[in-house]
Structure formats: structure tokens, C-alpha cells
């Protein structure tokens, strides 16, 4: 009796940790949408706007995992994943158009100290959350949590890419670094949409 009871307690603890990690991710990205909206408009930055949209998608991904951990049915989870794929496709199209326009027109985003600070902190926070999700997902044997942990890790990499573009623009005036960071997001969004749609078949 003790062994099964202990295993159940361990699983319950891991599930609570999974919920905590997802709610932390949700809270951070909700705040991020507001911060990035303000900084993207102020700086007229394609990369910051794209990263803000990516934060919205990350909110959707975390919501899917919360549903799954709550024992929600497979059909609802599949519908949510398809909705996420459509959102990723829309993000890729938007960023491709905006980044191409910025490069062709020579659009120069203004310096964004707030955007630099937020993306730097976000890169560290997302990396830590991704590591926690990877460990918890592996311990639970939960592929959904593990997969969303990989999305969170990519989010950290994207934050670093956007940060690099903003920093180069501010430090040495490489205005084209901002739309190039937008192209990084295009590649990521298209890849994630393809992965989700492929996994549905």
C-alpha cells in the first residue's frame, strides 16, 4: 500500500509543479504582451511586434498544457493545437511581409532600451522555465508538457535573437538587424506550424 501511495503522491507533486510552471509562463507572457506592445509601437520595431505576437501564441500553448494536465479530452486538445498552428502561420505571413517591407524601404526602428531590457530578462526566464518543464515532463512521462517545454526553450532563443537585433541597432546603427531578427521569427513560426500539423496526422 505504501509504494502505490508514495507513487501517487509523487505524481501529484509533479503535476502541481507542471501547473505552477505553466501559470508562471502564462503570467510572464501576459505581462510581455503589454510591455512589447508599448515598446514595439514606440520604437516602430518589427522584431518587437513579432515577439509580442509570439508571446500570444505561447499563452495559447501554455493553456493547452493546462487543459491536458487537467485531464481534458483528446479532441479538445487536438482542436487547440490546430488553432495554434493557424496562429503560427498567420504570424509567419505577417512577419515575412513586415520584415521584407522594412528591408526594401530602409525603415529604421528607433532605439528601444525598454525592449532590450525586457528581451534580456525574458531570455533568462524562459530558459529556466524550459528546463523545469523538461525535467517535470520527463518525470511524469508527459509528452505534451515536454513538447511545450521545447516551445518555451525556443522562446528563449527567439528573445536572444531579438535582443541581438535591438542591441546591434542601438550600438552600431545596424538598422537592418531588426528586420533580420523578424526573419528568424518567420522561420520559427513556419517550423512550429508544420510540426503541429504533421503531428496531427
C-alpha atoms as a PDB file:
ATOM      1  CA  UNK A   1       0.000   0.000   0.000  1.00  0.00           C
ATOM      2  CA  UNK A   2       2.812   2.396   0.847  1.00  0.00           C
ATOM      3  CA  UNK A   3       4.576   2.112  -2.517  1.00  0.00           C
ATOM      4  CA  UNK A   4       1.496   2.918  -4.644  1.00  0.00           C
ATOM      5  CA  UNK A   5       0.534   5.692  -2.220  1.00  0.00           C
ATOM      6  CA  UNK A   6       4.025   7.170  -2.432  1.00  0.00           C
ATOM      7  CA  UNK A   7       3.995   6.975  -6.233  1.00  0.00           C
ATOM      8  CA  UNK A   8       0.611   8.704  -6.351  1.00  0.00           C
ATOM      9  CA  UNK A   9       1.883  11.438  -4.040  1.00  0.00           C
ATOM     10  CA  UNK A  10       4.974  11.928  -6.196  1.00  0.00           C
ATOM     11  CA  UNK A  11       2.851  12.162  -9.325  1.00  0.00           C
ATOM     12  CA  UNK A  12       0.508  14.652  -7.693  1.00  0.00           C
ATOM     13  CA  UNK A  13       3.511  16.770  -6.672  1.00  0.00           C
ATOM     14  CA  UNK A  14       4.879  16.680 -10.219  1.00  0.00           C
ATOM     15  CA  UNK A  15       1.502  17.636 -11.683  1.00  0.00           C
ATOM     16  CA  UNK A  16       1.321  20.604  -9.276  1.00  0.00           C
ATOM     17  CA  UNK A  17       4.811  21.624 -10.393  1.00  0.00           C
ATOM     18  CA  UNK A  18       3.691  21.358 -14.032  1.00  0.00           C
ATOM     19  CA  UNK A  19       0.714  23.625 -13.315  1.00  0.00           C
ATOM     20  CA  UNK A  20       2.973  26.110 -11.491  1.00  0.00           C
ATOM     21  CA  UNK A  21       5.428  26.247 -14.401  1.00  0.00           C
ATOM     22  CA  UNK A  22       2.628  26.812 -16.904  1.00  0.00           C
ATOM     23  CA  UNK A  23       0.949  29.508 -14.805  1.00  0.00           C
ATOM     24  CA  UNK A  24       4.291  31.277 -14.401  1.00  0.00           C
ATOM     25  CA  UNK A  25       4.723  31.119 -18.176  1.00  0.00           C
ATOM     26  CA  UNK A  26       1.202  32.444 -18.701  1.00  0.00           C
ATOM     27  CA  UNK A  27       1.713  35.316 -16.264  1.00  0.00           C
ATOM     28  CA  UNK A  28       5.040  36.309 -17.784  1.00  0.00           C
ATOM     29  CA  UNK A  29       3.700  36.256 -21.342  1.00  0.00           C
ATOM     30  CA  UNK A  30       0.553  38.207 -20.451  1.00  0.00           C
ATOM     31  CA  UNK A  31       2.781  40.916 -18.978  1.00  0.00           C
ATOM     32  CA  UNK A  32       5.063  40.563 -22.002  1.00  0.00           C
ATOM     33  CA  UNK A  33       2.262  41.267 -24.481  1.00  0.00           C
ATOM     34  CA  UNK A  34       1.605  44.604 -22.763  1.00  0.00           C
ATOM     35  CA  UNK A  35       5.285  45.544 -22.478  1.00  0.00           C
ATOM     36  CA  UNK A  36       6.078  44.543 -26.059  1.00  0.00           C
ATOM     37  CA  UNK A  37       3.058  46.371 -27.463  1.00  0.00           C
ATOM     38  CA  UNK A  38       4.241  49.622 -25.853  1.00  0.00           C
ATOM     39  CA  UNK A  39       7.913  49.191 -26.809  1.00  0.00           C
ATOM     40  CA  UNK A  40       7.172  47.991 -30.369  1.00  0.00           C
ATOM     41  CA  UNK A  41       4.923  50.986 -31.082  1.00  0.00           C
ATOM     42  CA  UNK A  42       7.366  53.449 -29.511  1.00  0.00           C
ATOM     43  CA  UNK A  43      10.361  52.060 -31.446  1.00  0.00           C
ATOM     44  CA  UNK A  44       8.392  51.006 -34.571  1.00  0.00           C
ATOM     45  CA  UNK A  45      10.226  47.700 -34.303  1.00  0.00           C
ATOM     46  CA  UNK A  46       9.186  44.760 -36.491  1.00  0.00           C
ATOM     47  CA  UNK A  47      11.087  42.290 -34.288  1.00  0.00           C
ATOM     48  CA  UNK A  48       9.470  43.501 -31.062  1.00  0.00           C
ATOM     49  CA  UNK A  49       5.998  43.382 -32.649  1.00  0.00           C
ATOM     50  CA  UNK A  50       6.645  39.842 -33.863  1.00  0.00           C
ATOM     51  CA  UNK A  51       7.930  38.740 -30.487  1.00  0.00           C
ATOM     52  CA  UNK A  52       4.783  40.186 -28.898  1.00  0.00           C
ATOM     53  CA  UNK A  53       2.658  38.065 -31.230  1.00  0.00           C
ATOM     54  CA  UNK A  54       4.821  35.060 -30.369  1.00  0.00           C
ATOM     55  CA  UNK A  55       4.049  35.720 -26.699  1.00  0.00           C
ATOM     56  CA  UNK A  56       0.339  35.457 -27.530  1.00  0.00           C
ATOM     57  CA  UNK A  57       0.957  32.087 -29.145  1.00  0.00           C
ATOM     58  CA  UNK A  58       2.974  30.947 -26.128  1.00  0.00           C
ATOM     59  CA  UNK A  59      -0.047  31.844 -23.978  1.00  0.00           C
ATOM     60  CA  UNK A  60      -2.123  29.523 -26.147  1.00  0.00           C
ATOM     61  CA  UNK A  61       0.461  26.746 -25.855  1.00  0.00           C
ATOM     62  CA  UNK A  62       0.521  27.010 -22.067  1.00  0.00           C
ATOM     63  CA  UNK A  63      -3.282  26.957 -21.981  1.00  0.00           C
ATOM     64  CA  UNK A  64      -3.278  23.709 -23.983  1.00  0.00           C
ATOM     65  CA  UNK A  65      -0.941  22.116 -21.436  1.00  0.00           C
ATOM     66  CA  UNK A  66      -3.086  23.303 -18.503  1.00  0.00           C
ATOM     67  CA  UNK A  67      -6.085  21.663 -20.180  1.00  0.00           C
ATOM     68  CA  UNK A  68      -4.126  18.454 -20.746  1.00  0.00           C
ATOM     69  CA  UNK A  69      -2.860  18.304 -17.159  1.00  0.00           C
ATOM     70  CA  UNK A  70      -6.453  18.821 -16.008  1.00  0.00           C
ATOM     71  CA  UNK A  71      -7.460  15.663 -17.864  1.00  0.00           C
ATOM     72  CA  UNK A  72      -9.271  17.386 -20.689  1.00  0.00           C
ATOM     73  CA  UNK A  73     -10.257  15.188 -23.633  1.00  0.00           C
ATOM     74  CA  UNK A  74      -8.038  14.440 -26.598  1.00  0.00           C
ATOM     75  CA  UNK A  75     -10.447  16.034 -29.111  1.00  0.00           C
ATOM     76  CA  UNK A  76     -10.336  19.418 -27.412  1.00  0.00           C
ATOM     77  CA  UNK A  77      -6.545  19.293 -27.211  1.00  0.00           C
ATOM     78  CA  UNK A  78      -6.261  18.483 -30.931  1.00  0.00           C
ATOM     79  CA  UNK A  79      -8.553  21.395 -31.818  1.00  0.00           C
ATOM     80  CA  UNK A  80      -6.478  23.745 -29.687  1.00  0.00           C
ATOM     81  CA  UNK A  81      -3.272  22.548 -31.350  1.00  0.00           C
ATOM     82  CA  UNK A  82      -4.756  23.159 -34.792  1.00  0.00           C
ATOM     83  CA  UNK A  83      -5.748  26.672 -33.707  1.00  0.00           C
ATOM     84  CA  UNK A  84      -2.150  27.237 -32.575  1.00  0.00           C
ATOM     85  CA  UNK A  85      -0.882  26.075 -35.984  1.00  0.00           C
ATOM     86  CA  UNK A  86      -3.140  28.602 -37.736  1.00  0.00           C
ATOM     87  CA  UNK A  87      -1.866  31.323 -35.397  1.00  0.00           C
ATOM     88  CA  UNK A  88       1.752  30.411 -36.201  1.00  0.00           C
ATOM     89  CA  UNK A  89       1.013  30.565 -39.948  1.00  0.00           C
ATOM     90  CA  UNK A  90      -0.589  33.999 -39.553  1.00  0.00           C
ATOM     91  CA  UNK A  91       2.420  35.179 -37.541  1.00  0.00           C
ATOM     92  CA  UNK A  92       4.852  33.922 -40.212  1.00  0.00           C
ATOM     93  CA  UNK A  93       2.955  35.694 -43.016  1.00  0.00           C
ATOM     94  CA  UNK A  94       2.731  38.957 -41.054  1.00  0.00           C
ATOM     95  CA  UNK A  95       6.434  38.944 -40.177  1.00  0.00           C
ATOM     96  CA  UNK A  96       7.520  37.984 -43.696  1.00  0.00           C
ATOM     97  CA  UNK A  97       5.609  40.944 -45.148  1.00  0.00           C
ATOM     98  CA  UNK A  98       6.682  43.419 -42.456  1.00  0.00           C
ATOM     99  CA  UNK A  99      10.353  42.382 -42.415  1.00  0.00           C
ATOM    100  CA  UNK A 100      10.567  42.460 -46.216  1.00  0.00           C
ATOM    101  CA  UNK A 101       8.947  45.894 -46.314  1.00  0.00           C
ATOM    102  CA  UNK A 102      11.355  47.188 -43.649  1.00  0.00           C
ATOM    103  CA  UNK A 103      14.393  45.967 -45.612  1.00  0.00           C
ATOM    104  CA  UNK A 104      13.191  47.235 -49.006  1.00  0.00           C
ATOM    105  CA  UNK A 105      12.097  50.642 -47.705  1.00  0.00           C
ATOM    106  CA  UNK A 106      15.119  51.109 -45.437  1.00  0.00           C
ATOM    107  CA  UNK A 107      12.867  51.504 -42.395  1.00  0.00           C
ATOM    108  CA  UNK A 108      14.895  52.276 -39.299  1.00  0.00           C
ATOM    109  CA  UNK A 109      13.484  51.244 -35.937  1.00  0.00           C
ATOM    110  CA  UNK A 110      14.218  53.654 -33.098  1.00  0.00           C
ATOM    111  CA  UNK A 111      16.378  52.573 -30.172  1.00  0.00           C
ATOM    112  CA  UNK A 112      14.416  50.693 -27.523  1.00  0.00           C
ATOM    113  CA  UNK A 113      16.072  50.476 -24.069  1.00  0.00           C
ATOM    114  CA  UNK A 114      12.830  49.005 -22.697  1.00  0.00           C
ATOM    115  CA  UNK A 115      12.727  46.364 -25.427  1.00  0.00           C
ATOM    116  CA  UNK A 116      16.371  45.471 -24.814  1.00  0.00           C
ATOM    117  CA  UNK A 117      15.794  45.100 -21.062  1.00  0.00           C
ATOM    118  CA  UNK A 118      12.622  43.019 -21.473  1.00  0.00           C
ATOM    119  CA  UNK A 119      14.028  40.618 -24.066  1.00  0.00           C
ATOM    120  CA  UNK A 120      17.211  40.116 -22.000  1.00  0.00           C
ATOM    121  CA  UNK A 121      15.228  39.205 -18.881  1.00  0.00           C
ATOM    122  CA  UNK A 122      12.764  37.112 -20.894  1.00  0.00           C
ATOM    123  CA  UNK A 123      15.569  35.040 -22.430  1.00  0.00           C
ATOM    124  CA  UNK A 124      16.793  34.077 -18.949  1.00  0.00           C
ATOM    125  CA  UNK A 125      13.299  33.447 -17.522  1.00  0.00           C
ATOM    126  CA  UNK A 126      12.149  31.317 -20.471  1.00  0.00           C
ATOM    127  CA  UNK A 127      15.349  29.247 -20.370  1.00  0.00           C
ATOM    128  CA  UNK A 128      14.785  28.495 -16.667  1.00  0.00           C
ATOM    129  CA  UNK A 129      11.102  27.617 -17.232  1.00  0.00           C
ATOM    130  CA  UNK A 130      12.005  25.388 -20.197  1.00  0.00           C
ATOM    131  CA  UNK A 131      14.484  23.440 -18.077  1.00  0.00           C
ATOM    132  CA  UNK A 132      11.860  22.951 -15.363  1.00  0.00           C
ATOM    133  CA  UNK A 133       9.263  21.751 -17.882  1.00  0.00           C
ATOM    134  CA  UNK A 134      11.728  19.319 -19.469  1.00  0.00           C
ATOM    135  CA  UNK A 135      12.535  17.743 -16.110  1.00  0.00           C
ATOM    136  CA  UNK A 136       8.922  17.634 -14.948  1.00  0.00           C
ATOM    137  CA  UNK A 137       7.611  16.331 -18.279  1.00  0.00           C
ATOM    138  CA  UNK A 138      10.223  13.557 -18.300  1.00  0.00           C
ATOM    139  CA  UNK A 139       9.449  12.588 -14.699  1.00  0.00           C
ATOM    140  CA  UNK A 140       5.714  12.469 -15.459  1.00  0.00           C
ATOM    141  CA  UNK A 141       6.168  10.747 -18.798  1.00  0.00           C
ATOM    142  CA  UNK A 142       4.045  13.550 -20.248  1.00  0.00           C
ATOM    143  CA  UNK A 143       4.951  14.291 -23.905  1.00  0.00           C
ATOM    144  CA  UNK A 144       2.666  17.343 -24.051  1.00  0.00           C
ATOM    145  CA  UNK A 145       4.445  19.107 -21.191  1.00  0.00           C
ATOM    146  CA  UNK A 146       7.834  18.089 -22.604  1.00  0.00           C
ATOM    147  CA  UNK A 147       6.914  19.412 -26.061  1.00  0.00           C
ATOM    148  CA  UNK A 148       5.682  22.711 -24.652  1.00  0.00           C
ATOM    149  CA  UNK A 149       8.943  22.927 -22.730  1.00  0.00           C
ATOM    150  CA  UNK A 150      10.742  22.841 -26.078  1.00  0.00           C
ATOM    151  CA  UNK A 151       8.499  25.668 -27.320  1.00  0.00           C
ATOM    152  CA  UNK A 152       9.462  27.649 -24.218  1.00  0.00           C
ATOM    153  CA  UNK A 153      13.152  26.984 -24.885  1.00  0.00           C
ATOM    154  CA  UNK A 154      12.775  28.226 -28.456  1.00  0.00           C
ATOM    155  CA  UNK A 155      11.025  31.280 -26.986  1.00  0.00           C
ATOM    156  CA  UNK A 156      14.209  31.926 -25.000  1.00  0.00           C
ATOM    157  CA  UNK A 157      16.306  31.612 -28.164  1.00  0.00           C
ATOM    158  CA  UNK A 158      13.966  33.984 -30.002  1.00  0.00           C
ATOM    159  CA  UNK A 159      14.229  36.516 -27.190  1.00  0.00           C
ATOM    160  CA  UNK A 160      18.009  36.334 -27.536  1.00  0.00           C
ATOM    161  CA  UNK A 161      17.747  36.811 -31.322  1.00  0.00           C
ATOM    162  CA  UNK A 162      15.510  39.866 -30.949  1.00  0.00           C
ATOM    163  CA  UNK A 163      17.808  41.211 -28.236  1.00  0.00           C
ATOM    164  CA  UNK A 164      20.786  40.854 -30.581  1.00  0.00           C
ATOM    165  CA  UNK A 165      18.976  42.787 -33.326  1.00  0.00           C
ATOM    166  CA  UNK A 166      17.967  45.578 -30.957  1.00  0.00           C
ATOM    167  CA  UNK A 167      21.439  45.793 -29.440  1.00  0.00           C
ATOM    168  CA  UNK A 168      23.165  45.967 -32.846  1.00  0.00           C
ATOM    169  CA  UNK A 169      20.772  48.673 -33.959  1.00  0.00           C
ATOM    170  CA  UNK A 170      21.409  50.690 -30.802  1.00  0.00           C
ATOM    171  CA  UNK A 171      25.172  50.127 -30.576  1.00  0.00           C
ATOM    172  CA  UNK A 172      26.391  50.396 -34.160  1.00  0.00           C
ATOM    173  CA  UNK A 173      23.363  51.585 -36.127  1.00  0.00           C
ATOM    174  CA  UNK A 174      22.778  48.323 -37.986  1.00  0.00           C
ATOM    175  CA  UNK A 175      19.122  49.140 -38.699  1.00  0.00           C
ATOM    176  CA  UNK A 176      18.719  46.002 -40.841  1.00  0.00           C
ATOM    177  CA  UNK A 177      19.383  43.800 -37.789  1.00  0.00           C
ATOM    178  CA  UNK A 178      15.815  44.462 -36.566  1.00  0.00           C
ATOM    179  CA  UNK A 179      14.015  43.080 -39.678  1.00  0.00           C
ATOM    180  CA  UNK A 180      16.552  40.230 -39.881  1.00  0.00           C
ATOM    181  CA  UNK A 181      15.521  39.247 -36.349  1.00  0.00           C
ATOM    182  CA  UNK A 182      11.978  39.262 -37.723  1.00  0.00           C
ATOM    183  CA  UNK A 183      13.038  36.674 -40.327  1.00  0.00           C
ATOM    184  CA  UNK A 184      14.298  34.441 -37.517  1.00  0.00           C
ATOM    185  CA  UNK A 185      10.780  34.554 -36.090  1.00  0.00           C
ATOM    186  CA  UNK A 186       9.328  33.745 -39.542  1.00  0.00           C
ATOM    187  CA  UNK A 187      11.422  30.573 -39.732  1.00  0.00           C
ATOM    188  CA  UNK A 188      10.434  29.555 -36.194  1.00  0.00           C
ATOM    189  CA  UNK A 189       6.708  30.197 -36.726  1.00  0.00           C
ATOM    190  CA  UNK A 190       6.621  28.265 -40.008  1.00  0.00           C
ATOM    191  CA  UNK A 191       8.528  25.338 -38.490  1.00  0.00           C
ATOM    192  CA  UNK A 192       6.240  25.146 -35.465  1.00  0.00           C
ATOM    193  CA  UNK A 193       3.109  25.250 -37.645  1.00  0.00           C
ATOM    194  CA  UNK A 194       4.469  22.437 -39.816  1.00  0.00           C
ATOM    195  CA  UNK A 195       5.405  20.348 -36.767  1.00  0.00           C
ATOM    196  CA  UNK A 196       1.965  20.726 -35.189  1.00  0.00           C
ATOM    197  CA  UNK A 197       0.093  19.914 -38.421  1.00  0.00           C
ATOM    198  CA  UNK A 198       2.374  16.937 -39.164  1.00  0.00           C
ATOM    199  CA  UNK A 199       1.865  15.535 -35.671  1.00  0.00           C
ATOM    200  CA  UNK A 200      -1.911  15.721 -36.144  1.00  0.00           C
ATOM    201  CA  UNK A 201      -1.779  13.101 -38.937  1.00  0.00           C
END
